[in-house]
Amino acid sequence: MEINIIGLIGMGQMGRGIAEVCALAGYKVLANDADQKTLTDSKDIIHSDLKKLEEKNKISSSAITSALDQIILMKDLSGFDKCDLIIEAATEKEQIKKKIFLDLQPVIKKTAILATNTSSISVTRLAAGTDRPQNFMGLHFMNPVPLMNLVELVRGIATSEMTYQTLEQFVIKLGKSSSVSEDFPAFIVNRILMPMINEAIYSLYEGVGNVENIDRSMRLGANHPMGPLELADFIGLDTCLSIMNVLHEGLGDTKYRPCPLLVKYVEAGWLGRKAKKGFYDYNLKPPVPTR
C-alpha cells in the first residue's frame, strides 16, 4: 500500500518529532492535538529544531521551508479522511488512546492504516477496539525522534502481513532502521531500559549514591551518553512511571515494582525537563540535582 498523506494525533515532544521526520521525508502531515495551544505552538518549535539542524549543515534552508509547508495543523479530525496512515502519539494512557481511535472510525477511509506510538501498552488490545485490527500496528519511535535511528515495529495478533510490510518500507523511507518486537509489555527497548532507570532511582532512594554520582557513574563507567536519572527527566517521570506500571501489572513480577521515590516525584508534579524540575532543577543554569 502506498502512503502519501499522514495523519498525526498528539503534538507533544514525540508527535512534533514524528511530524518533523515525516515532513523532511516528503510526506504531507495533517497534525492534530486536543490542546489548541500545544497545536499552535508546535510548528514554531519544529521550525526552531530545524534551524538547529541547518546550523550544523545537516539540512538546507530550502529543506526547512519545504518541510514546514508539508505540515498542516488541523483543529479537528474532519480532514483525516484523506490520510493513508494515521499515527497516534498521545499521552501514554490507554483510555485516551482508545477514545482517539474510536473518534477516528467514522472519519477515515476503509484502507487507512492505524498506528500507535505507544511505548508499552498492548497493541493487540488497542487494535481490538477498532474496526480494522488487521490494519493496526505499533510504530514506536525513540526520543528524540529526529536524532534516534530506531523505530520498533510491533505487530498485534491480527496485524496483516501487508500492514507490516507497508510500515517497514515507511520506516526505511524516513531514513531510519527498524526492529521487530512481539506484543509484550514495554516491547524491547523499554523492557530493558525502564527497569535500569527504576533501579537507578532505587539506588538514590536507598542512599547508595546521590543524583550526581549515580549519573556520573553510568556515563563514565558504562559509557552511557546520558546518566539514567538525567535520561528519566528527559523522557518524563510520568511516562517512566506509566511504563513501569504496565510492566508490573502485565508481567506480575515484583522486580518491576516502581520505586516509591518515582511515585512521589510524579505526585509532586516534578516530571522532569517539561516541568522544569525532576531529579534536576532546570530553572537553574546549569541544572542542579534536587537530591
Protein backbone atom coordinates (compact mmCIF):
# COMPACT_ATOMS: atom_id res chain seq x y z
CA MET A 1 0.00 0.00 0.00
CA GLU A 2 1.31 3.46 -0.91
CA ILE A 3 1.47 6.14 1.78
CA ASN A 4 1.28 9.78 0.73
CA ILE A 5 -0.67 11.61 3.45
CA ILE A 6 -0.10 11.01 7.14
CA GLY A 7 -2.44 11.96 9.96
CA LEU A 8 -0.77 12.63 13.30
CA ILE A 9 -2.64 12.93 16.59
CA GLY A 10 -0.71 14.39 19.52
CA MET A 11 1.79 17.21 19.02
CA GLY A 12 3.80 16.93 22.20
CA GLN A 13 7.51 16.15 22.12
CA MET A 14 7.09 12.80 20.35
CA GLY A 15 4.41 13.97 17.91
CA ARG A 16 6.44 17.01 16.86
CA GLY A 17 9.45 14.82 16.22
CA ILE A 18 7.43 12.36 14.13
CA ALA A 19 5.88 15.24 12.15
CA GLU A 20 9.35 16.68 11.52
CA VAL A 21 10.92 13.48 10.16
CA CYS A 22 7.85 12.65 8.05
CA ALA A 23 7.78 16.15 6.52
CA LEU A 24 11.53 16.06 5.81
CA ALA A 25 10.98 12.73 4.02
CA GLY A 26 8.44 14.43 1.75
CA TYR A 27 5.19 13.25 3.34
CA LYS A 28 2.23 15.58 3.79
CA VAL A 29 1.36 15.62 7.50
CA LEU A 30 -2.05 16.59 8.93
CA ALA A 31 -1.45 17.28 12.62
CA ASN A 32 -3.99 17.49 15.44
CA ASP A 33 -3.87 17.88 19.22
CA ALA A 34 -6.62 18.12 21.84
CA ASP A 35 -4.86 21.14 23.32
CA GLN A 36 -5.05 24.07 20.90
CA LYS A 37 -2.05 25.90 22.36
CA THR A 38 0.10 22.78 22.00
CA LEU A 39 -1.06 22.50 18.40
CA THR A 40 -0.50 26.19 17.61
CA ASP A 41 2.96 26.26 19.18
CA SER A 42 4.11 23.02 17.55
CA LYS A 43 5.13 24.45 14.19
CA ASP A 44 7.29 27.17 15.77
CA ILE A 45 9.05 24.54 17.89
CA ILE A 46 9.63 22.34 14.83
CA HIS A 47 10.98 25.37 12.95
CA SER A 48 13.40 26.06 15.81
CA ASP A 49 14.57 22.42 15.79
CA LEU A 50 15.10 22.50 12.03
CA LYS A 51 17.14 25.72 12.30
CA LYS A 52 19.49 23.91 14.69
CA LEU A 53 20.00 21.21 12.04
CA GLU A 54 20.70 23.94 9.47
CA GLU A 55 23.32 25.48 11.77
CA LYS A 56 25.06 22.08 11.83
CA ASN A 57 24.92 21.95 8.00
CA LYS A 58 22.66 18.88 8.11
CA ILE A 59 19.83 20.44 6.09
CA SER A 60 19.38 23.48 3.83
CA SER A 61 17.08 26.48 4.36
CA SER A 62 15.00 25.35 1.36
CA ALA A 63 14.52 21.94 3.03
CA ILE A 64 13.21 23.73 6.13
CA THR A 65 10.70 25.75 4.10
CA SER A 66 9.58 22.65 2.19
CA ALA A 67 9.17 20.58 5.38
CA LEU A 68 7.16 23.26 7.19
CA ASP A 69 4.88 23.62 4.16
CA GLN A 70 4.17 19.88 4.39
CA ILE A 71 2.82 20.17 7.97
CA ILE A 72 -0.81 21.33 8.16
CA LEU A 73 -2.36 21.97 11.56
CA MET A 74 -5.91 20.60 11.90
CA LYS A 75 -8.30 21.82 14.61
CA ASP A 76 -10.41 18.65 14.27
CA LEU A 77 -10.31 15.23 12.62
CA SER A 78 -12.58 16.03 9.66
CA GLY A 79 -9.69 16.29 7.19
CA PHE A 80 -8.29 12.89 8.16
CA ASP A 81 -10.47 11.18 5.55
CA LYS A 82 -7.61 11.78 3.09
CA CYS A 83 -4.95 10.03 5.20
CA ASP A 84 -3.31 6.77 4.18
CA LEU A 85 -1.69 6.32 7.60
CA ILE A 86 -2.74 7.77 10.96
CA ILE A 87 -0.20 7.74 13.80
CA GLU A 88 -1.42 8.26 17.35
CA ALA A 89 1.21 9.92 19.57
CA ALA A 90 -0.95 10.99 22.52
CA THR A 91 -0.14 10.67 26.21
CA GLU A 92 0.66 7.15 27.48
CA LYS A 93 -2.83 6.40 28.84
CA GLU A 94 -4.79 3.54 27.37
CA GLN A 95 -8.27 5.07 27.68
CA ILE A 96 -7.16 8.27 25.90
CA LYS A 97 -5.66 6.26 23.05
CA LYS A 98 -8.76 4.06 22.74
CA LYS A 99 -11.01 7.13 22.52
CA ILE A 100 -8.85 8.65 19.78
CA PHE A 101 -9.17 5.53 17.65
CA LEU A 102 -12.91 5.38 18.33
CA ASP A 103 -13.32 9.02 17.23
CA LEU A 104 -11.37 8.30 14.05
CA GLN A 105 -13.53 5.40 12.86
CA PRO A 106 -16.41 7.39 11.29
CA VAL A 107 -13.95 9.73 9.54
CA ILE A 108 -11.14 7.72 7.95
CA LYS A 109 -11.22 5.69 4.74
CA LYS A 110 -11.50 1.91 4.89
CA THR A 111 -7.98 1.33 3.54
CA ALA A 112 -6.23 3.61 6.05
CA ILE A 113 -3.65 2.06 8.36
CA LEU A 114 -3.74 2.93 12.06
CA ALA A 115 -0.54 3.03 14.10
CA THR A 116 0.19 3.78 17.72
CA ASN A 117 3.42 5.24 19.09
CA THR A 118 2.75 3.64 22.47
CA SER A 119 5.89 2.74 24.36
CA SER A 120 4.34 -0.01 26.48
CA ILE A 121 0.58 -0.62 26.01
CA SER A 122 -0.70 -3.78 24.30
CA VAL A 123 -1.05 -3.21 20.55
CA THR A 124 -3.46 -6.15 20.29
CA ARG A 125 -5.73 -4.63 22.92
CA LEU A 126 -5.75 -1.20 21.26
CA ALA A 127 -6.37 -2.80 17.84
CA ALA A 128 -9.32 -4.82 19.17
CA GLY A 129 -11.18 -1.59 19.91
CA THR A 130 -11.08 -0.53 16.25
CA ASP A 131 -12.89 -1.66 13.09
CA ARG A 132 -9.59 -2.73 11.45
CA PRO A 133 -7.30 -4.79 13.72
CA GLN A 134 -5.64 -6.21 10.59
CA ASN A 135 -4.63 -2.67 9.58
CA PHE A 136 -3.31 -1.73 13.02
CA MET A 137 0.26 -1.84 14.30
CA GLY A 138 2.67 -0.41 16.84
CA LEU A 139 5.12 2.13 15.42
CA HIS A 140 7.28 3.09 18.38
CA PHE A 141 9.71 5.92 17.64
CA MET A 142 12.58 6.66 20.03
CA ASN A 143 13.02 10.03 21.72
CA PRO A 144 14.25 12.46 20.40
CA VAL A 145 12.75 11.29 17.10
CA PRO A 146 14.88 13.39 14.69
CA LEU A 147 18.13 12.10 16.23
CA MET A 148 17.34 8.47 17.10
CA ASN A 149 17.64 5.92 14.32
CA LEU A 150 15.43 3.13 15.65
CA VAL A 151 11.69 2.52 15.25
CA GLU A 152 10.19 -0.54 16.95
CA LEU A 153 7.63 -2.36 14.78
CA VAL A 154 5.11 -4.15 16.99
CA ARG A 155 2.59 -6.50 15.40
CA GLY A 156 -0.69 -7.17 17.14
CA ILE A 157 -2.09 -10.67 16.94
CA ALA A 158 -4.32 -9.66 13.99
CA THR A 159 -1.87 -7.39 12.12
CA SER A 160 -1.74 -8.40 8.44
CA GLU A 161 1.45 -9.04 6.50
CA MET A 162 0.53 -6.18 4.15
CA THR A 163 0.32 -3.71 7.05
CA TYR A 164 3.67 -4.91 8.40
CA GLN A 165 5.40 -4.69 5.01
CA THR A 166 3.93 -1.23 4.34
CA LEU A 167 5.16 0.20 7.65
CA GLU A 168 8.54 -1.49 7.34
CA GLN A 169 9.02 0.30 4.00
CA PHE A 170 7.69 3.53 5.51
CA VAL A 171 10.40 3.43 8.20
CA ILE A 172 13.06 2.91 5.52
CA LYS A 173 11.77 5.94 3.59
CA LEU A 174 12.15 8.01 6.76
CA GLY A 175 15.83 7.06 6.73
CA LYS A 176 15.50 5.01 9.90
CA SER A 177 16.07 1.40 10.93
CA SER A 178 13.53 -0.93 12.50
CA SER A 179 13.49 -3.79 14.95
CA VAL A 180 10.56 -6.16 15.32
CA SER A 181 9.15 -6.78 18.78
CA GLU A 182 6.48 -9.17 19.93
CA ASP A 183 3.47 -7.59 21.62
CA PHE A 184 4.66 -7.99 25.21
CA PRO A 185 4.55 -5.24 27.86
CA ALA A 186 7.00 -2.40 27.02
CA PHE A 187 8.34 -4.28 23.94
CA ILE A 188 12.16 -4.49 23.65
CA VAL A 189 13.75 -1.10 24.37
CA ASN A 190 11.64 -0.09 27.37
CA ARG A 191 11.54 -3.66 28.73
CA ILE A 192 15.31 -3.31 29.19
CA LEU A 193 15.72 0.46 29.68
CA MET A 194 12.99 1.27 32.21
CA PRO A 195 13.99 -1.29 34.87
CA MET A 196 17.52 0.15 34.64
CA ILE A 197 16.17 3.66 35.25
CA ASN A 198 13.93 2.36 38.04
CA GLU A 199 16.95 0.66 39.65
CA ALA A 200 18.89 3.92 39.45
CA ILE A 201 16.00 5.63 41.29
CA TYR A 202 16.05 2.85 43.92
CA SER A 203 19.80 3.47 44.32
CA LEU A 204 19.03 7.14 45.00
CA TYR A 205 16.09 6.24 47.29
CA GLU A 206 18.22 3.85 49.35
CA GLY A 207 21.15 6.28 49.60
CA VAL A 208 23.61 4.23 47.54
CA GLY A 209 24.60 7.42 45.76
CA ASN A 210 23.32 10.92 45.09
CA VAL A 211 21.96 12.11 41.72
CA GLU A 212 25.29 13.45 40.52
CA ASN A 213 27.28 10.33 41.41
CA ILE A 214 24.74 7.87 40.00
CA ASP A 215 24.64 9.69 36.66
CA ARG A 216 28.42 10.20 36.53
CA SER A 217 29.00 6.51 37.32
CA MET A 218 26.86 5.35 34.40
CA ARG A 219 28.23 7.94 31.97
CA LEU A 220 31.87 7.17 32.74
CA GLY A 221 31.61 3.58 33.99
CA ALA A 222 29.20 2.20 31.38
CA ASN A 223 29.88 4.75 28.61
CA HIS A 224 26.24 5.88 28.52
CA PRO A 225 25.81 9.26 26.77
CA MET A 226 23.36 10.35 29.48
CA GLY A 227 23.00 9.23 33.10
CA PRO A 228 19.84 7.27 33.97
CA LEU A 229 18.33 10.00 36.15
CA GLU A 230 19.04 12.69 33.57
CA LEU A 231 17.52 10.38 30.97
CA ALA A 232 14.43 9.84 33.14
CA ASP A 233 13.97 13.61 33.33
CA PHE A 234 14.34 13.82 29.55
CA ILE A 235 11.73 11.09 28.94
CA GLY A 236 9.35 12.44 31.59
CA LEU A 237 8.93 10.86 35.03
CA ASP A 238 5.20 10.38 34.46
CA THR A 239 5.98 8.37 31.32
CA CYS A 240 8.59 6.32 33.21
CA LEU A 241 6.06 5.57 35.95
CA SER A 242 3.37 4.64 33.42
CA ILE A 243 5.70 2.17 31.68
CA MET A 244 6.84 0.63 34.97
CA ASN A 245 3.19 0.18 35.98
CA VAL A 246 2.46 -1.57 32.67
CA LEU A 247 5.45 -3.87 33.23
CA HIS A 248 4.49 -4.57 36.85
CA GLU A 249 0.82 -5.25 36.08
CA GLY A 250 1.43 -7.07 32.80
CA LEU A 251 4.20 -9.40 33.95
CA GLY A 252 3.32 -9.69 37.65
CA ASP A 253 6.95 -9.73 38.79
CA THR A 254 7.99 -7.67 41.84
CA LYS A 255 11.25 -6.70 40.12
CA TYR A 256 9.19 -4.28 38.02
CA ARG A 257 7.63 -2.51 41.03
CA PRO A 258 8.01 1.28 40.52
CA CYS A 259 10.32 2.87 43.08
CA PRO A 260 8.31 4.82 45.72
CA LEU A 261 10.54 7.84 45.09
CA LEU A 262 9.49 7.87 41.42
CA VAL A 263 5.85 7.83 42.53
CA LYS A 264 6.50 10.74 44.93
CA TYR A 265 8.16 12.86 42.27
CA VAL A 266 5.22 12.35 39.91
CA GLU A 267 2.75 13.14 42.71
CA ALA A 268 4.67 16.36 43.36
CA GLY A 269 4.45 17.32 39.69
CA TRP A 270 8.23 17.01 39.35
CA LEU A 271 8.03 15.37 35.94
CA GLY A 272 11.47 16.26 34.60
CA ARG A 273 12.52 18.73 31.93
CA LYS A 274 9.00 19.51 30.72
CA ALA A 275 8.05 20.63 34.25
CA LYS A 276 11.42 22.36 34.82
CA LYS A 277 12.03 20.08 37.80
CA GLY A 278 12.68 16.39 38.33
CA PHE A 279 15.90 14.80 39.52
CA TYR A 280 17.42 18.09 38.37
CA ASP A 281 16.14 21.64 38.75
CA TYR A 282 16.04 23.09 35.22
CA ASN A 283 15.14 26.57 36.43
CA LEU A 284 18.85 26.94 37.19
CA LYS A 285 21.68 27.02 34.66
CA PRO A 286 23.36 24.62 34.62
CA PRO A 287 20.64 22.34 36.10
CA VAL A 288 21.26 21.39 39.73
CA PRO A 289 20.38 17.99 41.31
CA THR A 290 17.32 18.11 43.57
CA ARG A 291 18.72 15.42 45.91
